[in-house]
Amino acid sequence: YRFYNTRRQQLLSGDVKPNAAHAALAQLEDMLGDNF
């Protein structure tokens, strides 16, 4: 429990945000729709 609680806290801390690679894949989905 402690191990995964710590991982979740880190993810939701505000210091961790999507980067340009994540944004590019969102753009690719926008382009391809259900084909992605």
Full PDB file with SEQRES, HELIX, SHEET, SSBOND, CRYST1, ORIGX, SCALE, CONECT and MASTER records, all heavy atoms in Angstrom:
SEQRES   1 A   36  TYR ARG PHE TYR ASN THR ARG ARG GLN GLN LEU LEU SER          
SEQRES   2 A   36  GLY ASP VAL LYS PRO ASN ALA ALA HIS ALA ALA LEU ALA          
SEQRES   3 A   36  GLN LEU GLU ASP MET LEU GLY ASP ASN PHE                      
HELIX    1 AA1 ARG A    2  LEU A   11  1                                  10    
HELIX    2 AA2 ALA A   20  LEU A   32  1                                  13    
HELIX    3 AA3 GLY A   33  ASN A   35  5                                   3    
CRYST1    1.000    1.000    1.000  90.00  90.00  90.00 P 1           1          
ORIGX1      1.000000  0.000000  0.000000        0.00000                         
ORIGX2      0.000000  1.000000  0.000000        0.00000                         
ORIGX3      0.000000  0.000000  1.000000        0.00000                         
SCALE1      1.000000  0.000000  0.000000        0.00000                         
SCALE2      0.000000  1.000000  0.000000        0.00000                         
SCALE3      0.000000  0.000000  1.000000        0.00000                         
ATOM      1  N   TYR A   1       0.833  -1.207   0.000  1.00  0.00           N  
ATOM      2  CA  TYR A   1       0.000   0.000   0.000  1.00  0.00           C  
ATOM      3  C   TYR A   1       0.867   1.256   0.000  1.00  0.00           C  
ATOM      4  O   TYR A   1       0.622   2.201  -0.764  1.00  0.00           O  
ATOM      5  CB  TYR A   1      -0.913   0.016   1.225  1.00  0.00           C  
ATOM      6  CG  TYR A   1      -2.117  -0.896   1.160  1.00  0.00           C  
ATOM      7  CD1 TYR A   1      -2.389  -1.789   2.191  1.00  0.00           C  
ATOM      8  CD2 TYR A   1      -3.004  -0.840   0.088  1.00  0.00           C  
ATOM      9  CE1 TYR A   1      -3.506  -2.616   2.153  1.00  0.00           C  
ATOM     10  CE2 TYR A   1      -4.125  -1.668   0.045  1.00  0.00           C  
ATOM     11  CZ  TYR A   1      -4.371  -2.551   1.078  1.00  0.00           C  
ATOM     12  OH  TYR A   1      -5.480  -3.356   1.037  1.00  0.00           O  
ATOM     13  N   ARG A   2       1.872   1.307   0.875  1.00  0.00           N  
ATOM     14  CA  ARG A   2       2.731   2.497   0.959  1.00  0.00           C  
ATOM     15  C   ARG A   2       3.447   2.747  -0.357  1.00  0.00           C  
ATOM     16  O   ARG A   2       3.574   3.903  -0.803  1.00  0.00           O  
ATOM     17  CB  ARG A   2       3.758   2.348   2.083  1.00  0.00           C  
ATOM     18  CG  ARG A   2       3.193   2.470   3.485  1.00  0.00           C  
ATOM     19  CD  ARG A   2       4.299   2.719   4.511  1.00  0.00           C  
ATOM     20  NE  ARG A   2       5.336   1.697   4.475  1.00  0.00           N  
ATOM     21  CZ  ARG A   2       5.298   0.569   5.179  1.00  0.00           C  
ATOM     22  NH1 ARG A   2       4.266   0.309   5.973  1.00  0.00           N  
ATOM     23  NH2 ARG A   2       6.291  -0.300   5.115  1.00  0.00           N  
ATOM     24  N   PHE A   3       3.924   1.691  -0.977  1.00  0.00           N  
ATOM     25  CA  PHE A   3       4.661   1.819  -2.233  1.00  0.00           C  
ATOM     26  C   PHE A   3       3.793   2.489  -3.296  1.00  0.00           C  
ATOM     27  O   PHE A   3       4.207   3.470  -3.940  1.00  0.00           O  
ATOM     28  CB  PHE A   3       5.121   0.447  -2.710  1.00  0.00           C  
ATOM     29  CG  PHE A   3       5.868   0.469  -4.006  1.00  0.00           C  
ATOM     30  CD1 PHE A   3       7.220   0.743  -4.036  1.00  0.00           C  
ATOM     31  CD2 PHE A   3       5.218   0.217  -5.215  1.00  0.00           C  
ATOM     32  CE1 PHE A   3       7.917   0.770  -5.248  1.00  0.00           C  
ATOM     33  CE2 PHE A   3       5.894   0.243  -6.417  1.00  0.00           C  
ATOM     34  CZ  PHE A   3       7.251   0.512  -6.427  1.00  0.00           C  
ATOM     35  N   TYR A   4       2.586   2.010  -3.495  1.00  0.00           N  
ATOM     36  CA  TYR A   4       1.729   2.564  -4.540  1.00  0.00           C  
ATOM     37  C   TYR A   4       1.107   3.896  -4.133  1.00  0.00           C  
ATOM     38  O   TYR A   4       0.862   4.746  -4.998  1.00  0.00           O  
ATOM     39  CB  TYR A   4       0.666   1.535  -4.961  1.00  0.00           C  
ATOM     40  CG  TYR A   4       1.306   0.376  -5.701  1.00  0.00           C  
ATOM     41  CD1 TYR A   4       1.571  -0.828  -5.057  1.00  0.00           C  
ATOM     42  CD2 TYR A   4       1.704   0.508  -7.027  1.00  0.00           C  
ATOM     43  CE1 TYR A   4       2.193  -1.875  -5.720  1.00  0.00           C  
ATOM     44  CE2 TYR A   4       2.327  -0.526  -7.701  1.00  0.00           C  
ATOM     45  CZ  TYR A   4       2.572  -1.715  -7.040  1.00  0.00           C  
ATOM     46  OH  TYR A   4       3.205  -2.735  -7.704  1.00  0.00           O  
ATOM     47  N   ASN A   5       0.866   4.092  -2.847  1.00  0.00           N  
ATOM     48  CA  ASN A   5       0.407   5.410  -2.403  1.00  0.00           C  
ATOM     49  C   ASN A   5       1.445   6.476  -2.720  1.00  0.00           C  
ATOM     50  O   ASN A   5       1.108   7.588  -3.157  1.00  0.00           O  
ATOM     51  CB  ASN A   5       0.120   5.395  -0.898  1.00  0.00           C  
ATOM     52  CG  ASN A   5      -1.149   4.640  -0.540  1.00  0.00           C  
ATOM     53  OD1 ASN A   5      -2.012   4.416  -1.381  1.00  0.00           O  
ATOM     54  ND2 ASN A   5      -1.256   4.230   0.717  1.00  0.00           N  
ATOM     55  N   THR A   6       2.713   6.160  -2.514  1.00  0.00           N  
ATOM     56  CA  THR A   6       3.794   7.105  -2.805  1.00  0.00           C  
ATOM     57  C   THR A   6       3.866   7.398  -4.291  1.00  0.00           C  
ATOM     58  O   THR A   6       4.038   8.555  -4.704  1.00  0.00           O  
ATOM     59  CB  THR A   6       5.133   6.554  -2.304  1.00  0.00           C  
ATOM     60  OG1 THR A   6       5.053   6.319  -0.900  1.00  0.00           O  
ATOM     61  CG2 THR A   6       6.264   7.538  -2.587  1.00  0.00           C  
ATOM     62  N   ARG A   7       3.722   6.355  -5.120  1.00  0.00           N  
ATOM     63  CA  ARG A   7       3.745   6.554  -6.567  1.00  0.00           C  
ATOM     64  C   ARG A   7       2.571   7.437  -7.007  1.00  0.00           C  
ATOM     65  O   ARG A   7       2.715   8.310  -7.854  1.00  0.00           O  
ATOM     66  CB  ARG A   7       3.661   5.212  -7.305  1.00  0.00           C  
ATOM     67  CG  ARG A   7       4.660   4.157  -6.896  1.00  0.00           C  
ATOM     68  CD  ARG A   7       6.047   4.387  -7.469  1.00  0.00           C  
ATOM     69  NE  ARG A   7       6.760   5.477  -6.837  1.00  0.00           N  
ATOM     70  CZ  ARG A   7       7.274   5.418  -5.610  1.00  0.00           C  
ATOM     71  NH1 ARG A   7       7.138   4.349  -4.868  1.00  0.00           N  
ATOM     72  NH2 ARG A   7       7.934   6.446  -5.105  1.00  0.00           N  
ATOM     73  N   ARG A   8       1.392   7.204  -6.441  1.00  0.00           N  
ATOM     74  CA  ARG A   8       0.217   8.004  -6.783  1.00  0.00           C  
ATOM     75  C   ARG A   8       0.400   9.454  -6.352  1.00  0.00           C  
ATOM     76  O   ARG A   8       0.066  10.395  -7.090  1.00  0.00           O  
ATOM     77  CB  ARG A   8      -1.034   7.398  -6.136  1.00  0.00           C  
ATOM     78  CG  ARG A   8      -2.347   8.025  -6.622  1.00  0.00           C  
ATOM     79  CD  ARG A   8      -3.556   7.426  -5.897  1.00  0.00           C  
ATOM     80  NE  ARG A   8      -3.587   5.989  -5.963  1.00  0.00           N  
ATOM     81  CZ  ARG A   8      -3.296   5.188  -4.931  1.00  0.00           C  
ATOM     82  NH1 ARG A   8      -2.975   5.691  -3.739  1.00  0.00           N  
ATOM     83  NH2 ARG A   8      -3.342   3.884  -5.063  1.00  0.00           N  
ATOM     84  N   GLN A   9       0.930   9.657  -5.147  1.00  0.00           N  
ATOM     85  CA  GLN A   9       1.170  11.018  -4.660  1.00  0.00           C  
ATOM     86  C   GLN A   9       2.132  11.774  -5.574  1.00  0.00           C  
ATOM     87  O   GLN A   9       1.945  12.963  -5.860  1.00  0.00           O  
ATOM     88  CB  GLN A   9       1.731  10.967  -3.237  1.00  0.00           C  
ATOM     89  CG  GLN A   9       0.734  10.493  -2.191  1.00  0.00           C  
ATOM     90  CD  GLN A   9       1.408  10.099  -0.886  1.00  0.00           C  
ATOM     91  OE1 GLN A   9       2.625  10.266  -0.729  1.00  0.00           O  
ATOM     92  NE2 GLN A   9       0.642   9.568   0.045  1.00  0.00           N  
ATOM     93  N   GLN A  10       3.172  11.087  -6.017  1.00  0.00           N  
ATOM     94  CA  GLN A  10       4.126  11.716  -6.925  1.00  0.00           C  
ATOM     95  C   GLN A  10       3.443  12.122  -8.231  1.00  0.00           C  
ATOM     96  O   GLN A  10       3.627  13.234  -8.730  1.00  0.00           O  
ATOM     97  CB  GLN A  10       5.291  10.770  -7.233  1.00  0.00           C  
ATOM     98  CG  GLN A  10       6.328  11.385  -8.174  1.00  0.00           C  
ATOM     99  CD  GLN A  10       7.239  10.357  -8.825  1.00  0.00           C  
ATOM    100  OE1 GLN A  10       6.997   9.156  -8.726  1.00  0.00           O  
ATOM    101  NE2 GLN A  10       8.277  10.828  -9.491  1.00  0.00           N  
ATOM    102  N   LEU A  11       2.632  11.217  -8.779  1.00  0.00           N  
ATOM    103  CA  LEU A  11       1.955  11.491 -10.042  1.00  0.00           C  
ATOM    104  C   LEU A  11       1.039  12.700  -9.944  1.00  0.00           C  
ATOM    105  O   LEU A  11       0.941  13.506 -10.876  1.00  0.00           O  
ATOM    106  CB  LEU A  11       1.149  10.246 -10.461  1.00  0.00           C  
ATOM    107  CG  LEU A  11       0.284  10.372 -11.703  1.00  0.00           C  
ATOM    108  CD1 LEU A  11       1.129  10.647 -12.936  1.00  0.00           C  
ATOM    109  CD2 LEU A  11      -0.546   9.096 -11.902  1.00  0.00           C  
ATOM    110  N   LEU A  12       0.366  12.845  -8.807  1.00  0.00           N  
ATOM    111  CA  LEU A  12      -0.637  13.897  -8.641  1.00  0.00           C  
ATOM    112  C   LEU A  12      -0.091  15.141  -7.940  1.00  0.00           C  
ATOM    113  O   LEU A  12      -0.860  16.038  -7.602  1.00  0.00           O  
ATOM    114  CB  LEU A  12      -1.824  13.340  -7.844  1.00  0.00           C  
ATOM    115  CG  LEU A  12      -2.531  12.129  -8.465  1.00  0.00           C  
ATOM    116  CD1 LEU A  12      -3.627  11.611  -7.545  1.00  0.00           C  
ATOM    117  CD2 LEU A  12      -3.103  12.469  -9.838  1.00  0.00           C  
ATOM    118  N   SER A  13       1.216  15.206  -7.775  1.00  0.00           N  
ATOM    119  CA  SER A  13       1.813  16.276  -6.980  1.00  0.00           C  
ATOM    120  C   SER A  13       1.743  17.649  -7.631  1.00  0.00           C  
ATOM    121  O   SER A  13       1.900  18.667  -6.972  1.00  0.00           O  
ATOM    122  CB  SER A  13       3.280  15.942  -6.700  1.00  0.00           C  
ATOM    123  OG  SER A  13       4.029  15.964  -7.917  1.00  0.00           O  
ATOM    124  N   GLY A  14       1.553  17.707  -8.928  1.00  0.00           N  
ATOM    125  CA  GLY A  14       1.614  18.986  -9.639  1.00  0.00           C  
ATOM    126  C   GLY A  14       2.964  19.217 -10.271  1.00  0.00           C  
ATOM    127  O   GLY A  14       3.099  20.067 -11.168  1.00  0.00           O  
ATOM    128  N   ASP A  15       3.965  18.480  -9.826  1.00  0.00           N  
ATOM    129  CA  ASP A  15       5.297  18.597 -10.425  1.00  0.00           C  
ATOM    130  C   ASP A  15       5.414  17.748 -11.687  1.00  0.00           C  
ATOM    131  O   ASP A  15       6.319  17.953 -12.493  1.00  0.00           O  
ATOM    132  CB  ASP A  15       6.368  18.153  -9.420  1.00  0.00           C  
ATOM    133  CG  ASP A  15       6.419  19.051  -8.197  1.00  0.00           C  
ATOM    134  OD1 ASP A  15       6.157  20.261  -8.350  1.00  0.00           O  
ATOM    135  OD2 ASP A  15       6.705  18.545  -7.096  1.00  0.00           O  
ATOM    136  N   VAL A  16       4.526  16.775 -11.835  1.00  0.00           N  
ATOM    137  CA  VAL A  16       4.566  15.855 -12.969  1.00  0.00           C  
ATOM    138  C   VAL A  16       3.476  16.243 -13.960  1.00  0.00           C  
ATOM    139  O   VAL A  16       2.292  16.265 -13.611  1.00  0.00           O  
ATOM    140  CB  VAL A  16       4.370  14.397 -12.488  1.00  0.00           C  
ATOM    141  CG1 VAL A  16       4.291  13.456 -13.681  1.00  0.00           C  
ATOM    142  CG2 VAL A  16       5.500  13.991 -11.553  1.00  0.00           C  
ATOM    143  N   LYS A  17       3.878  16.563 -15.180  1.00  0.00           N  
ATOM    144  CA  LYS A  17       2.925  17.003 -16.196  1.00  0.00           C  
ATOM    145  C   LYS A  17       3.241  16.330 -17.534  1.00  0.00           C  
ATOM    146  O   LYS A  17       4.385  15.924 -17.770  1.00  0.00           O  
ATOM    147  CB  LYS A  17       3.005  18.524 -16.359  1.00  0.00           C  
ATOM    148  CG  LYS A  17       2.638  19.307 -15.103  1.00  0.00           C  
ATOM    149  CD  LYS A  17       2.801  20.802 -15.315  1.00  0.00           C  
ATOM    150  CE  LYS A  17       2.462  21.563 -14.034  1.00  0.00           C  
ATOM    151  NZ  LYS A  17       2.664  23.027 -14.203  1.00  0.00           N  
ATOM    152  N   PRO A  18       2.244  16.212 -18.414  1.00  0.00           N  
ATOM    153  CA  PRO A  18       2.510  15.667 -19.750  1.00  0.00           C  
ATOM    154  C   PRO A  18       3.578  16.487 -20.465  1.00  0.00           C  
ATOM    155  O   PRO A  18       3.660  17.705 -20.292  1.00  0.00           O  
ATOM    156  CB  PRO A  18       1.153  15.773 -20.456  1.00  0.00           C  
ATOM    157  CG  PRO A  18       0.145  15.876 -19.359  1.00  0.00           C  
ATOM    158  CD  PRO A  18       0.831  16.584 -18.226  1.00  0.00           C  
ATOM    159  N   ASN A  19       4.382  15.809 -21.262  1.00  0.00           N  
ATOM    160  CA  ASN A  19       5.413  16.506 -22.017  1.00  0.00           C  
ATOM    161  C   ASN A  19       5.048  16.562 -23.505  1.00  0.00           C  
ATOM    162  O   ASN A  19       3.952  16.157 -23.906  1.00  0.00           O  
ATOM    163  CB  ASN A  19       6.783  15.845 -21.784  1.00  0.00           C  
ATOM    164  CG  ASN A  19       6.821  14.389 -22.240  1.00  0.00           C  
ATOM    165  OD1 ASN A  19       6.409  14.067 -23.361  1.00  0.00           O  
ATOM    166  ND2 ASN A  19       7.316  13.503 -21.376  1.00  0.00           N  
ATOM    167  N   ALA A  20       5.974  17.058 -24.307  1.00  0.00           N  
ATOM    168  CA  ALA A  20       5.686  17.257 -25.732  1.00  0.00           C  
ATOM    169  C   ALA A  20       5.405  15.951 -26.454  1.00  0.00           C  
ATOM    170  O   ALA A  20       4.648  15.929 -27.439  1.00  0.00           O  
ATOM    171  CB  ALA A  20       6.860  17.978 -26.392  1.00  0.00           C  
ATOM    172  N   ALA A  21       5.981  14.853 -25.991  1.00  0.00           N  
ATOM    173  CA  ALA A  21       5.715  13.556 -26.625  1.00  0.00           C  
ATOM    174  C   ALA A  21       4.274  13.118 -26.368  1.00  0.00           C  
ATOM    175  O   ALA A  21       3.595  12.610 -27.269  1.00  0.00           O  
ATOM    176  CB  ALA A  21       6.689  12.512 -26.102  1.00  0.00           C  
ATOM    177  N   HIS A  22       3.797  13.303 -25.135  1.00  0.00           N  
ATOM    178  CA  HIS A  22       2.396  13.014 -24.849  1.00  0.00           C  
ATOM    179  C   HIS A  22       1.481  13.879 -25.715  1.00  0.00           C  
ATOM    180  O   HIS A  22       0.488  13.391 -26.275  1.00  0.00           O  
ATOM    181  CB  HIS A  22       2.075  13.278 -23.372  1.00  0.00           C  
ATOM    182  CG  HIS A  22       2.793  12.389 -22.406  1.00  0.00           C  
ATOM    183  ND1 HIS A  22       3.855  12.833 -21.657  1.00  0.00           N  
ATOM    184  CD2 HIS A  22       2.604  11.095 -22.062  1.00  0.00           C  
ATOM    185  CE1 HIS A  22       4.285  11.849 -20.887  1.00  0.00           C  
ATOM    186  NE2 HIS A  22       3.544  10.778 -21.113  1.00  0.00           N  
ATOM    187  N   ALA A  23       1.806  15.153 -25.814  1.00  0.00           N  
ATOM    188  CA  ALA A  23       0.978  16.078 -26.595  1.00  0.00           C  
ATOM    189  C   ALA A  23       0.944  15.673 -28.068  1.00  0.00           C  
ATOM    190  O   ALA A  23      -0.101  15.779 -28.737  1.00  0.00           O  
ATOM    191  CB  ALA A  23       1.502  17.506 -26.443  1.00  0.00           C  
ATOM    192  N   ALA A  24       2.074  15.195 -28.584  1.00  0.00           N  
ATOM    193  CA  ALA A  24       2.128  14.795 -29.993  1.00  0.00           C  
ATOM    194  C   ALA A  24       1.227  13.593 -30.253  1.00  0.00           C  
ATOM    195  O   ALA A  24       0.554  13.525 -31.294  1.00  0.00           O  
ATOM    196  CB  ALA A  24       3.570  14.471 -30.382  1.00  0.00           C  
ATOM    197  N   LEU A  25       1.171  12.654 -29.313  1.00  0.00           N  
ATOM    198  CA  LEU A  25       0.295  11.497 -29.506  1.00  0.00           C  
ATOM    199  C   LEU A  25      -1.172  11.883 -29.415  1.00  0.00           C  
ATOM    200  O   LEU A  25      -2.021  11.291 -30.095  1.00  0.00           O  
ATOM    201  CB  LEU A  25       0.635  10.401 -28.493  1.00  0.00           C  
ATOM    202  CG  LEU A  25       1.994   9.735 -28.682  1.00  0.00           C  
ATOM    203  CD1 LEU A  25       2.198   8.650 -27.638  1.00  0.00           C  
ATOM    204  CD2 LEU A  25       2.127   9.149 -30.091  1.00  0.00           C  
ATOM    205  N   ALA A  26      -1.494  12.870 -28.592  1.00  0.00           N  
ATOM    206  CA  ALA A  26      -2.867  13.387 -28.568  1.00  0.00           C  
ATOM    207  C   ALA A  26      -3.210  14.034 -29.907  1.00  0.00           C  
ATOM    208  O   ALA A  26      -4.327  13.877 -30.428  1.00  0.00           O  
ATOM    209  CB  ALA A  26      -3.028  14.381 -27.429  1.00  0.00           C  
ATOM    210  N   GLN A  27      -2.242  14.724 -30.489  1.00  0.00           N  
ATOM    211  CA  GLN A  27      -2.433  15.324 -31.811  1.00  0.00           C  
ATOM    212  C   GLN A  27      -2.649  14.243 -32.864  1.00  0.00           C  
ATOM    213  O   GLN A  27      -3.504  14.388 -33.755  1.00  0.00           O  
ATOM    214  CB  GLN A  27      -1.213  16.174 -32.168  1.00  0.00           C  
ATOM    215  CG  GLN A  27      -1.256  16.793 -33.557  1.00  0.00           C  
ATOM    216  CD  GLN A  27       0.069  17.475 -33.921  1.00  0.00           C  
ATOM    217  OE1 GLN A  27       0.913  17.732 -33.069  1.00  0.00           O  
ATOM    218  NE2 GLN A  27       0.250  17.736 -35.199  1.00  0.00           N  
ATOM    219  N   LEU A  28      -1.895  13.151 -32.756  1.00  0.00           N  
ATOM    220  CA  LEU A  28      -2.034  12.052 -33.717  1.00  0.00           C  
ATOM    221  C   LEU A  28      -3.417  11.424 -33.615  1.00  0.00           C  
ATOM    222  O   LEU A  28      -4.033  11.100 -34.637  1.00  0.00           O  
ATOM    223  CB  LEU A  28      -0.948  11.012 -33.468  1.00  0.00           C  
ATOM    224  CG  LEU A  28      -0.879   9.837 -34.451  1.00  0.00           C  
ATOM    225  CD1 LEU A  28      -0.699  10.326 -35.879  1.00  0.00           C  
ATOM    226  CD2 LEU A  28       0.250   8.881 -34.057  1.00  0.00           C  
ATOM    227  N   GLU A  29      -3.925  11.264 -32.398  1.00  0.00           N  
ATOM    228  CA  GLU A  29      -5.277  10.734 -32.241  1.00  0.00           C  
ATOM    229  C   GLU A  29      -6.319  11.686 -32.824  1.00  0.00           C  
ATOM    230  O   GLU A  29      -7.287  11.248 -33.457  1.00  0.00           O  
ATOM    231  CB  GLU A  29      -5.595  10.464 -30.773  1.00  0.00           C  
ATOM    232  CG  GLU A  29      -6.990   9.880 -30.574  1.00  0.00           C  
ATOM    233  CD  GLU A  29      -7.293   9.503 -29.135  1.00  0.00           C  
ATOM    234  OE1 GLU A  29      -6.355   9.229 -28.360  1.00  0.00           O  
ATOM    235  OE2 GLU A  29      -8.494   9.484 -28.784  1.00  0.00           O  
ATOM    236  N   ASP A  30      -6.129  12.968 -32.620  1.00  0.00           N  
ATOM    237  CA  ASP A  30      -7.043  13.954 -33.206  1.00  0.00           C  
ATOM    238  C   ASP A  30      -7.086  13.815 -34.732  1.00  0.00           C  
ATOM    239  O   ASP A  30      -8.140  13.978 -35.357  1.00  0.00           O  
ATOM    240  CB  ASP A  30      -6.615  15.375 -32.841  1.00  0.00           C  
ATOM    241  CG  ASP A  30      -6.910  15.726 -31.393  1.00  0.00           C  
ATOM    242  OD1 ASP A  30      -7.741  15.037 -30.763  1.00  0.00           O  
ATOM    243  OD2 ASP A  30      -6.299  16.690 -30.885  1.00  0.00           O  
ATOM    244  N   MET A  31      -5.934  13.498 -35.322  1.00  0.00           N  
ATOM    245  CA  MET A  31      -5.832  13.385 -36.766  1.00  0.00           C  
ATOM    246  C   MET A  31      -6.467  12.090 -37.287  1.00  0.00           C  
ATOM    247  O   MET A  31      -7.159  12.095 -38.302  1.00  0.00           O  
ATOM    248  CB  MET A  31      -4.351  13.428 -37.165  1.00  0.00           C  
ATOM    249  CG  MET A  31      -4.112  13.383 -38.653  1.00  0.00           C  
ATOM    250  SD  MET A  31      -2.365  13.296 -39.154  1.00  0.00           S  
ATOM    251  CE  MET A  31      -1.486  13.400 -37.617  1.00  0.00           C  
ATOM    252  N   LEU A  32      -6.275  10.985 -36.560  1.00  0.00           N  
ATOM    253  CA  LEU A  32      -6.694   9.671 -37.058  1.00  0.00           C  
ATOM    254  C   LEU A  32      -8.032   9.201 -36.509  1.00  0.00           C  
ATOM    255  O   LEU A  32      -8.636   8.281 -37.063  1.00  0.00           O  
ATOM    256  CB  LEU A  32      -5.621   8.631 -36.714  1.00  0.00           C  
ATOM    257  CG  LEU A  32      -4.231   8.857 -37.315  1.00  0.00           C  
ATOM    258  CD1 LEU A  32      -3.265   7.803 -36.807  1.00  0.00           C  
ATOM    259  CD2 LEU A  32      -4.296   8.836 -38.838  1.00  0.00           C  
ATOM    260  N   GLY A  33      -8.474   9.783 -35.413  1.00  0.00           N  
ATOM    261  CA  GLY A  33      -9.745   9.384 -34.827  1.00  0.00           C  
ATOM    262  C   GLY A  33      -9.744   7.936 -34.375  1.00  0.00           C  
ATOM    263  O   GLY A  33      -8.797   7.472 -33.726  1.00  0.00           O  
ATOM    264  N   ASP A  34     -10.773   7.194 -34.755  1.00  0.00           N  
ATOM    265  CA  ASP A  34     -10.906   5.803 -34.313  1.00  0.00           C  
ATOM    266  C   ASP A  34      -9.892   4.865 -34.958  1.00  0.00           C  
ATOM    267  O   ASP A  34      -9.801   3.697 -34.574  1.00  0.00           O  
ATOM    268  CB  ASP A  34     -12.321   5.292 -34.605  1.00  0.00           C  
ATOM    269  CG  ASP A  34     -13.372   5.943 -33.718  1.00  0.00           C  
ATOM    270  OD1 ASP A  34     -12.998   6.458 -32.641  1.00  0.00           O  
ATOM    271  OD2 ASP A  34     -14.553   5.943 -34.099  1.00  0.00           O  
ATOM    272  N   ASN A  35      -9.139   5.355 -35.934  1.00  0.00           N  
ATOM    273  CA  ASN A  35      -8.068   4.550 -36.529  1.00  0.00           C  
ATOM    274  C   ASN A  35      -6.804   4.544 -35.675  1.00  0.00           C  
ATOM    275  O   ASN A  35      -5.809   3.923 -36.056  1.00  0.00           O  
ATOM    276  CB  ASN A  35      -7.714   5.059 -37.929  1.00  0.00           C  
ATOM    277  CG  ASN A  35      -8.749   4.649 -38.962  1.00  0.00           C  
ATOM    278  OD1 ASN A  35      -9.510   3.699 -38.758  1.00  0.00           O  
ATOM    279  ND2 ASN A  35      -8.792   5.360 -40.078  1.00  0.00           N  
ATOM    280  N   PHE A  36      -6.858   5.228 -34.552  1.00  0.00           N  
ATOM    281  CA  PHE A  36      -5.712   5.312 -33.637  1.00  0.00           C  
ATOM    282  C   PHE A  36      -6.031   4.574 -32.342  1.00  0.00           C  
ATOM    283  O   PHE A  36      -7.121   4.705 -31.783  1.00  0.00           O  
ATOM    284  CB  PHE A  36      -5.415   6.774 -33.324  1.00  0.00           C  
ATOM    285  CG  PHE A  36      -4.346   6.987 -32.278  1.00  0.00           C  
ATOM    286  CD1 PHE A  36      -3.016   7.117 -32.633  1.00  0.00           C  
ATOM    287  CD2 PHE A  36      -4.681   7.059 -30.926  1.00  0.00           C  
ATOM    288  CE1 PHE A  36      -2.037   7.315 -31.673  1.00  0.00           C  
ATOM    289  CE2 PHE A  36      -3.719   7.252 -29.958  1.00  0.00           C  
ATOM    290  CZ  PHE A  36      -2.379   7.380 -30.334  1.00  0.00           C  
TER     291      PHE A  36                                                      
MASTER        0    0    0    3    0    0    0    6  290    1    0    3          
END                                                                             
